[in-house]
Amino acid sequence: MKKIILLPAAALICVAALSGCTRTSYAIHTNDGRTIISDGKPSEAETGLLGYVDANGVKQQINKSDVKAVSEVP
């Protein structure tokens, strides 16, 4: 009886552990040479700002005119 409960519980723990690693990070390259790593895809606002969540989980914004390129980190 314990094996019937143990196997699905172990599978659930494995799936939960692997799903935490699926969030994609993006590199924001600025005109002055900095590279900012964002947690998740940055969002563009109508105000001319690019919003992102930094590595510490803090919401940040940068002027789109200061951004050279945004690329996905593999």
PDB file of N, CA and C in Angstrom:
ATOM      1  N   MET A   1       0.820  -1.198   0.000  1.00  0.00           N
ATOM      2  CA  MET A   1       0.000   0.000   0.000  1.00  0.00           C
ATOM      3  C   MET A   1       0.863   1.260   0.000  1.00  0.00           C
ATOM      4  N   LYS A   2       1.988   1.222   0.708  1.00  0.00           N
ATOM      5  CA  LYS A   2       2.854   2.396   0.758  1.00  0.00           C
ATOM      6  C   LYS A   2       3.502   2.674  -0.600  1.00  0.00           C
ATOM      7  N   LYS A   3       3.778   1.615  -1.383  1.00  0.00           N
ATOM      8  CA  LYS A   3       4.382   1.805  -2.698  1.00  0.00           C
ATOM      9  C   LYS A   3       3.414   2.510  -3.643  1.00  0.00           C
ATOM     10  N   ILE A   4       2.135   2.275  -3.483  1.00  0.00           N
ATOM     11  CA  ILE A   4       1.133   2.913  -4.333  1.00  0.00           C
ATOM     12  C   ILE A   4       1.107   4.423  -4.091  1.00  0.00           C
ATOM     13  N   ILE A   5       1.336   4.841  -2.878  1.00  0.00           N
ATOM     14  CA  ILE A   5       1.343   6.265  -2.541  1.00  0.00           C
ATOM     15  C   ILE A   5       2.718   6.881  -2.799  1.00  0.00           C
ATOM     16  N   LEU A   6       3.781   6.120  -2.561  1.00  0.00           N
ATOM     17  CA  LEU A   6       5.133   6.639  -2.674  1.00  0.00           C
ATOM     18  C   LEU A   6       5.514   6.968  -4.115  1.00  0.00           C
ATOM     19  N   LEU A   7       5.172   6.142  -5.069  1.00  0.00           N
ATOM     20  CA  LEU A   7       5.546   6.371  -6.458  1.00  0.00           C
ATOM     21  C   LEU A   7       4.905   7.638  -7.039  1.00  0.00           C
ATOM     22  N   PRO A   8       3.600   7.857  -6.907  1.00  0.00           N
ATOM     23  CA  PRO A   8       3.035   9.126  -7.407  1.00  0.00           C
ATOM     24  C   PRO A   8       3.566  10.352  -6.666  1.00  0.00           C
ATOM     25  N   ALA A   9       3.842  10.218  -5.382  1.00  0.00           N
ATOM     26  CA  ALA A   9       4.381  11.350  -4.620  1.00  0.00           C
ATOM     27  C   ALA A   9       5.775  11.707  -5.123  1.00  0.00           C
ATOM     28  N   ALA A  10       6.598  10.706  -5.409  1.00  0.00           N
ATOM     29  CA  ALA A  10       7.937  10.959  -5.932  1.00  0.00           C
ATOM     30  C   ALA A  10       7.859  11.602  -7.317  1.00  0.00           C
ATOM     31  N   ALA A  11       6.940  11.139  -8.147  1.00  0.00           N
ATOM     32  CA  ALA A  11       6.773  11.719  -9.480  1.00  0.00           C
ATOM     33  C   ALA A  11       6.319  13.175  -9.378  1.00  0.00           C
ATOM     34  N   LEU A  12       5.435  13.464  -8.459  1.00  0.00           N
ATOM     35  CA  LEU A  12       4.954  14.836  -8.267  1.00  0.00           C
ATOM     36  C   LEU A  12       6.077  15.756  -7.817  1.00  0.00           C
ATOM     37  N   ILE A  13       6.930  15.291  -6.941  1.00  0.00           N
ATOM     38  CA  ILE A  13       8.061  16.092  -6.469  1.00  0.00           C
ATOM     39  C   ILE A  13       9.035  16.366  -7.617  1.00  0.00           C
ATOM     40  N   CYS A  14       9.287  15.367  -8.454  1.00  0.00           N
ATOM     41  CA  CYS A  14      10.187  15.557  -9.601  1.00  0.00           C
ATOM     42  C   CYS A  14       9.625  16.576 -10.589  1.00  0.00           C
ATOM     43  N   VAL A  15       8.351  16.488 -10.876  1.00  0.00           N
ATOM     44  CA  VAL A  15       7.724  17.437 -11.810  1.00  0.00           C
ATOM     45  C   VAL A  15       7.761  18.847 -11.230  1.00  0.00           C
ATOM     46  N   ALA A  16       7.511  18.977  -9.949  1.00  0.00           N
ATOM     47  CA  ALA A  16       7.534  20.296  -9.311  1.00  0.00           C
ATOM     48  C   ALA A  16       8.938  20.895  -9.341  1.00  0.00           C
ATOM     49  N   ALA A  17       9.951  20.075  -9.129  1.00  0.00           N
ATOM     50  CA  ALA A  17      11.330  20.563  -9.148  1.00  0.00           C
ATOM     51  C   ALA A  17      11.741  21.000 -10.550  1.00  0.00           C
ATOM     52  N   LEU A  18      11.337  20.267 -11.563  1.00  0.00           N
ATOM     53  CA  LEU A  18      11.700  20.609 -12.932  1.00  0.00           C
ATOM     54  C   LEU A  18      10.939  21.816 -13.454  1.00  0.00           C
ATOM     55  N   SER A  19       9.730  22.015 -13.003  1.00  0.00           N
ATOM     56  CA  SER A  19       8.944  23.148 -13.502  1.00  0.00           C
ATOM     57  C   SER A  19       9.486  24.485 -13.003  1.00  0.00           C
ATOM     58  N   GLY A  20      10.232  24.495 -11.935  1.00  0.00           N
ATOM     59  CA  GLY A  20      10.828  25.721 -11.425  1.00  0.00           C
ATOM     60  C   GLY A  20      11.948  26.236 -12.306  1.00  0.00           C
ATOM     61  N   CYS A  21      12.495  25.408 -13.156  1.00  0.00           N
ATOM     62  CA  CYS A  21      13.616  25.789 -14.014  1.00  0.00           C
ATOM     63  C   CYS A  21      13.188  26.225 -15.404  1.00  0.00           C
ATOM     64  N   THR A  22      11.915  26.349 -15.649  1.00  0.00           N
ATOM     65  CA  THR A  22      11.463  26.619 -17.001  1.00  0.00           C
ATOM     66  C   THR A  22      11.284  28.099 -17.307  1.00  0.00           C
ATOM     67  N   ARG A  23      11.438  28.965 -16.364  1.00  0.00           N
ATOM     68  CA  ARG A  23      11.256  30.385 -16.615  1.00  0.00           C
ATOM     69  C   ARG A  23      12.416  30.907 -17.459  1.00  0.00           C
ATOM     70  N   THR A  24      12.112  31.630 -18.490  1.00  0.00           N
ATOM     71  CA  THR A  24      13.123  32.125 -19.421  1.00  0.00           C
ATOM     72  C   THR A  24      13.637  33.484 -18.959  1.00  0.00           C
ATOM     73  N   SER A  25      14.936  33.662 -19.066  1.00  0.00           N
ATOM     74  CA  SER A  25      15.564  34.940 -18.756  1.00  0.00           C
ATOM     75  C   SER A  25      15.930  35.647 -20.058  1.00  0.00           C
ATOM     76  N   TYR A  26      15.987  36.963 -20.004  1.00  0.00           N
ATOM     77  CA  TYR A  26      16.335  37.771 -21.163  1.00  0.00           C
ATOM     78  C   TYR A  26      17.479  38.705 -20.800  1.00  0.00           C
ATOM     79  N   ALA A  27      18.349  38.951 -21.764  1.00  0.00           N
ATOM     80  CA  ALA A  27      19.452  39.889 -21.595  1.00  0.00           C
ATOM     81  C   ALA A  27      19.073  41.189 -22.302  1.00  0.00           C
ATOM     82  N   ILE A  28      19.130  42.279 -21.562  1.00  0.00           N
ATOM     83  CA  ILE A  28      18.855  43.598 -22.111  1.00  0.00           C
ATOM     84  C   ILE A  28      20.202  44.298 -22.265  1.00  0.00           C
ATOM     85  N   HIS A  29      20.608  44.549 -23.513  1.00  0.00           N
ATOM     86  CA  HIS A  29      21.878  45.208 -23.806  1.00  0.00           C
ATOM     87  C   HIS A  29      21.607  46.694 -24.007  1.00  0.00           C
ATOM     88  N   THR A  30      22.320  47.521 -23.259  1.00  0.00           N
ATOM     89  CA  THR A  30      22.103  48.966 -23.341  1.00  0.00           C
ATOM     90  C   THR A  30      23.140  49.614 -24.251  1.00  0.00           C
ATOM     91  N   ASN A  31      22.860  50.855 -24.649  1.00  0.00           N
ATOM     92  CA  ASN A  31      23.760  51.604 -25.524  1.00  0.00           C
ATOM     93  C   ASN A  31      25.093  51.935 -24.853  1.00  0.00           C
ATOM     94  N   ASP A  32      25.116  51.998 -23.523  1.00  0.00           N
ATOM     95  CA  ASP A  32      26.358  52.319 -22.816  1.00  0.00           C
ATOM     96  C   ASP A  32      27.168  51.075 -22.439  1.00  0.00           C
ATOM     97  N   GLY A  33      26.777  49.894 -22.950  1.00  0.00           N
ATOM     98  CA  GLY A  33      27.570  48.683 -22.756  1.00  0.00           C
ATOM     99  C   GLY A  33      27.147  47.779 -21.611  1.00  0.00           C
ATOM    100  N   ARG A  34      26.150  48.172 -20.848  1.00  0.00           N
ATOM    101  CA  ARG A  34      25.691  47.319 -19.749  1.00  0.00           C
ATOM    102  C   ARG A  34      24.829  46.184 -20.290  1.00  0.00           C
ATOM    103  N   THR A  35      24.797  45.089 -19.545  1.00  0.00           N
ATOM    104  CA  THR A  35      23.890  43.986 -19.841  1.00  0.00           C
ATOM    105  C   THR A  35      23.081  43.717 -18.585  1.00  0.00           C
ATOM    106  N   ILE A  36      21.771  43.782 -18.709  1.00  0.00           N
ATOM    107  CA  ILE A  36      20.856  43.566 -17.598  1.00  0.00           C
ATOM    108  C   ILE A  36      20.130  42.251 -17.856  1.00  0.00           C
ATOM    109  N   ILE A  37      20.117  41.372 -16.864  1.00  0.00           N
ATOM    110  CA  ILE A  37      19.405  40.106 -16.983  1.00  0.00           C
ATOM    111  C   ILE A  37      18.042  40.262 -16.321  1.00  0.00           C
ATOM    112  N   SER A  38      16.987  39.962 -17.084  1.00  0.00           N
ATOM    113  CA  SER A  38      15.628  40.064 -16.544  1.00  0.00           C
ATOM    114  C   SER A  38      15.061  38.661 -16.327  1.00  0.00           C
ATOM    115  N   ASP A  39      14.220  38.553 -15.329  1.00  0.00           N
ATOM    116  CA  ASP A  39      13.537  37.300 -15.041  1.00  0.00           C
ATOM    117  C   ASP A  39      12.196  37.336 -15.761  1.00  0.00           C
ATOM    118  N   GLY A  40      12.109  36.689 -16.906  1.00  0.00           N
ATOM    119  CA  GLY A  40      10.905  36.744 -17.724  1.00  0.00           C
ATOM    120  C   GLY A  40      11.061  37.788 -18.812  1.00  0.00           C
ATOM    121  N   LYS A  41      10.111  37.809 -19.727  1.00  0.00           N
ATOM    122  CA  LYS A  41      10.181  38.704 -20.884  1.00  0.00           C
ATOM    123  C   LYS A  41       9.858  40.139 -20.475  1.00  0.00           C
ATOM    124  N   PRO A  42      10.693  41.092 -20.885  1.00  0.00           N
ATOM    125  CA  PRO A  42      10.398  42.499 -20.602  1.00  0.00           C
ATOM    126  C   PRO A  42       9.153  42.954 -21.353  1.00  0.00           C
ATOM    127  N   SER A  43       8.437  43.903 -20.772  1.00  0.00           N
ATOM    128  CA  SER A  43       7.209  44.393 -21.402  1.00  0.00           C
ATOM    129  C   SER A  43       7.385  45.858 -21.787  1.00  0.00           C
ATOM    130  N   GLU A  44       6.912  46.181 -22.981  1.00  0.00           N
ATOM    131  CA  GLU A  44       7.006  47.546 -23.482  1.00  0.00           C
ATOM    132  C   GLU A  44       5.757  48.332 -23.087  1.00  0.00           C
ATOM    133  N   ALA A  45       5.964  49.555 -22.657  1.00  0.00           N
ATOM    134  CA  ALA A  45       4.853  50.433 -22.289  1.00  0.00           C
ATOM    135  C   ALA A  45       4.724  51.536 -23.328  1.00  0.00           C
ATOM    136  N   GLU A  46       3.537  52.117 -23.407  1.00  0.00           N
ATOM    137  CA  GLU A  46       3.296  53.213 -24.344  1.00  0.00           C
ATOM    138  C   GLU A  46       4.053  54.477 -23.961  1.00  0.00           C
ATOM    139  N   THR A  47       4.534  54.531 -22.745  1.00  0.00           N
ATOM    140  CA  THR A  47       5.232  55.719 -22.262  1.00  0.00           C
ATOM    141  C   THR A  47       6.682  55.782 -22.719  1.00  0.00           C
ATOM    142  N   GLY A  48       7.146  54.766 -23.460  1.00  0.00           N
ATOM    143  CA  GLY A  48       8.523  54.758 -23.930  1.00  0.00           C
ATOM    144  C   GLY A  48       9.473  54.051 -22.985  1.00  0.00           C
ATOM    145  N   LEU A  49       8.920  53.296 -22.045  1.00  0.00           N
ATOM    146  CA  LEU A  49       9.740  52.576 -21.077  1.00  0.00           C
ATOM    147  C   LEU A  49       9.634  51.073 -21.307  1.00  0.00           C
ATOM    148  N   LEU A  50      10.690  50.361 -20.931  1.00  0.00           N
ATOM    149  CA  LEU A  50      10.724  48.912 -20.995  1.00  0.00           C
ATOM    150  C   LEU A  50      10.734  48.410 -19.551  1.00  0.00           C
ATOM    151  N   GLY A  51       9.689  47.694 -19.158  1.00  0.00           N
ATOM    152  CA  GLY A  51       9.594  47.189 -17.798  1.00  0.00           C
ATOM    153  C   GLY A  51      10.084  45.757 -17.719  1.00  0.00           C
ATOM    154  N   TYR A  52      10.785  45.438 -16.639  1.00  0.00           N
ATOM    155  CA  TYR A  52      11.309  44.084 -16.436  1.00  0.00           C
ATOM    156  C   TYR A  52      11.445  43.815 -14.944  1.00  0.00           C
ATOM    157  N   VAL A  53      11.617  42.553 -14.607  1.00  0.00           N
ATOM    158  CA  VAL A  53      11.876  42.145 -13.227  1.00  0.00           C
ATOM    159  C   VAL A  53      13.336  41.720 -13.170  1.00  0.00           C
ATOM    160  N   ASP A  54      14.116  42.341 -12.279  1.00  0.00           N
ATOM    161  CA  ASP A  54      15.538  42.029 -12.226  1.00  0.00           C
ATOM    162  C   ASP A  54      15.795  40.720 -11.482  1.00  0.00           C
ATOM    163  N   ALA A  55      17.056  40.355 -11.345  1.00  0.00           N
ATOM    164  CA  ALA A  55      17.437  39.081 -10.739  1.00  0.00           C
ATOM    165  C   ALA A  55      17.041  38.992  -9.264  1.00  0.00           C
ATOM    166  N   ASN A  56      16.840  40.124  -8.609  1.00  0.00           N
ATOM    167  CA  ASN A  56      16.425  40.136  -7.202  1.00  0.00           C
ATOM    168  C   ASN A  56      14.913  40.136  -7.036  1.00  0.00           C
ATOM    169  N   GLY A  57      14.176  40.113  -8.145  1.00  0.00           N
ATOM    170  CA  GLY A  57      12.718  40.100  -8.080  1.00  0.00           C
ATOM    171  C   GLY A  57      12.085  41.474  -7.974  1.00  0.00           C
ATOM    172  N   VAL A  58      12.859  42.517  -8.221  1.00  0.00           N
ATOM    173  CA  VAL A  58      12.375  43.890  -8.118  1.00  0.00           C
ATOM    174  C   VAL A  58      11.970  44.380  -9.505  1.00  0.00           C
ATOM    175  N   LYS A  59      10.794  44.993  -9.599  1.00  0.00           N
ATOM    176  CA  LYS A  59      10.340  45.552 -10.873  1.00  0.00           C
ATOM    177  C   LYS A  59      11.141  46.809 -11.182  1.00  0.00           C
ATOM    178  N   GLN A  60      11.657  46.878 -12.415  1.00  0.00           N
ATOM    179  CA  GLN A  60      12.476  48.001 -12.856  1.00  0.00           C
ATOM    180  C   GLN A  60      11.955  48.494 -14.199  1.00  0.00           C
ATOM    181  N   GLN A  61      12.368  49.688 -14.592  1.00  0.00           N
ATOM    182  CA  GLN A  61      12.035  50.238 -15.900  1.00  0.00           C
ATOM    183  C   GLN A  61      13.256  50.935 -16.460  1.00  0.00           C
ATOM    184  N   ILE A  62      13.387  50.871 -17.782  1.00  0.00           N
ATOM    185  CA  ILE A  62      14.476  51.549 -18.470  1.00  0.00           C
ATOM    186  C   ILE A  62      13.894  52.194 -19.726  1.00  0.00           C
ATOM    187  N   ASN A  63      14.444  53.326 -20.099  1.00  0.00           N
ATOM    188  CA  ASN A  63      13.985  54.029 -21.288  1.00  0.00           C
ATOM    189  C   ASN A  63      14.324  53.201 -22.521  1.00  0.00           C
ATOM    190  N   LYS A  64      13.352  53.011 -23.416  1.00  0.00           N
ATOM    191  CA  LYS A  64      13.577  52.187 -24.612  1.00  0.00           C
ATOM    192  C   LYS A  64      14.652  52.768 -25.513  1.00  0.00           C
ATOM    193  N   SER A  65      14.859  54.066 -25.486  1.00  0.00           N
ATOM    194  CA  SER A  65      15.900  54.668 -26.324  1.00  0.00           C
ATOM    195  C   SER A  65      17.301  54.312 -25.815  1.00  0.00           C
ATOM    196  N   ASP A  66      17.417  53.861 -24.568  1.00  0.00           N
ATOM    197  CA  ASP A  66      18.699  53.445 -24.005  1.00  0.00           C
ATOM    198  C   ASP A  66      19.010  51.970 -24.280  1.00  0.00           C
ATOM    199  N   VAL A  67      18.061  51.244 -24.867  1.00  0.00           N
ATOM    200  CA  VAL A  67      18.214  49.805 -25.099  1.00  0.00           C
ATOM    201  C   VAL A  67      18.675  49.548 -26.526  1.00  0.00           C
ATOM    202  N   LYS A  68      19.782  48.811 -26.653  1.00  0.00           N
ATOM    203  CA  LYS A  68      20.316  48.464 -27.981  1.00  0.00           C
ATOM    204  C   LYS A  68      19.624  47.203 -28.494  1.00  0.00           C
ATOM    205  N   ALA A  69      19.502  46.156 -27.634  1.00  0.00           N
ATOM    206  CA  ALA A  69      18.915  44.883 -28.054  1.00  0.00           C
ATOM    207  C   ALA A  69      18.421  44.119 -26.840  1.00  0.00           C
ATOM    208  N   VAL A  70      17.437  43.260 -27.076  1.00  0.00           N
ATOM    209  CA  VAL A  70      16.928  42.344 -26.058  1.00  0.00           C
ATOM    210  C   VAL A  70      17.009  40.951 -26.658  1.00  0.00           C
ATOM    211  N   SER A  71      17.671  40.046 -25.937  1.00  0.00           N
ATOM    212  CA  SER A  71      17.818  38.677 -26.442  1.00  0.00           C
ATOM    213  C   SER A  71      17.517  37.674 -25.344  1.00  0.00           C
ATOM    214  N   GLU A  72      17.030  36.513 -25.765  1.00  0.00           N
ATOM    215  CA  GLU A  72      16.707  35.441 -24.838  1.00  0.00           C
ATOM    216  C   GLU A  72      17.985  34.745 -24.409  1.00  0.00           C
ATOM    217  N   VAL A  73      18.105  34.455 -23.108  1.00  0.00           N
ATOM    218  CA  VAL A  73      19.274  33.741 -22.595  1.00  0.00           C
ATOM    219  C   VAL A  73      18.961  32.253 -22.629  1.00  0.00           C
ATOM    220  N   PRO A  74      19.806  31.467 -23.323  1.00  0.00           N
ATOM    221  CA  PRO A  74      19.511  30.019 -23.429  1.00  0.00           C
ATOM    222  C   PRO A  74      19.671  29.291 -22.104  1.00  0.00           C
TER     223      PRO A  74
END
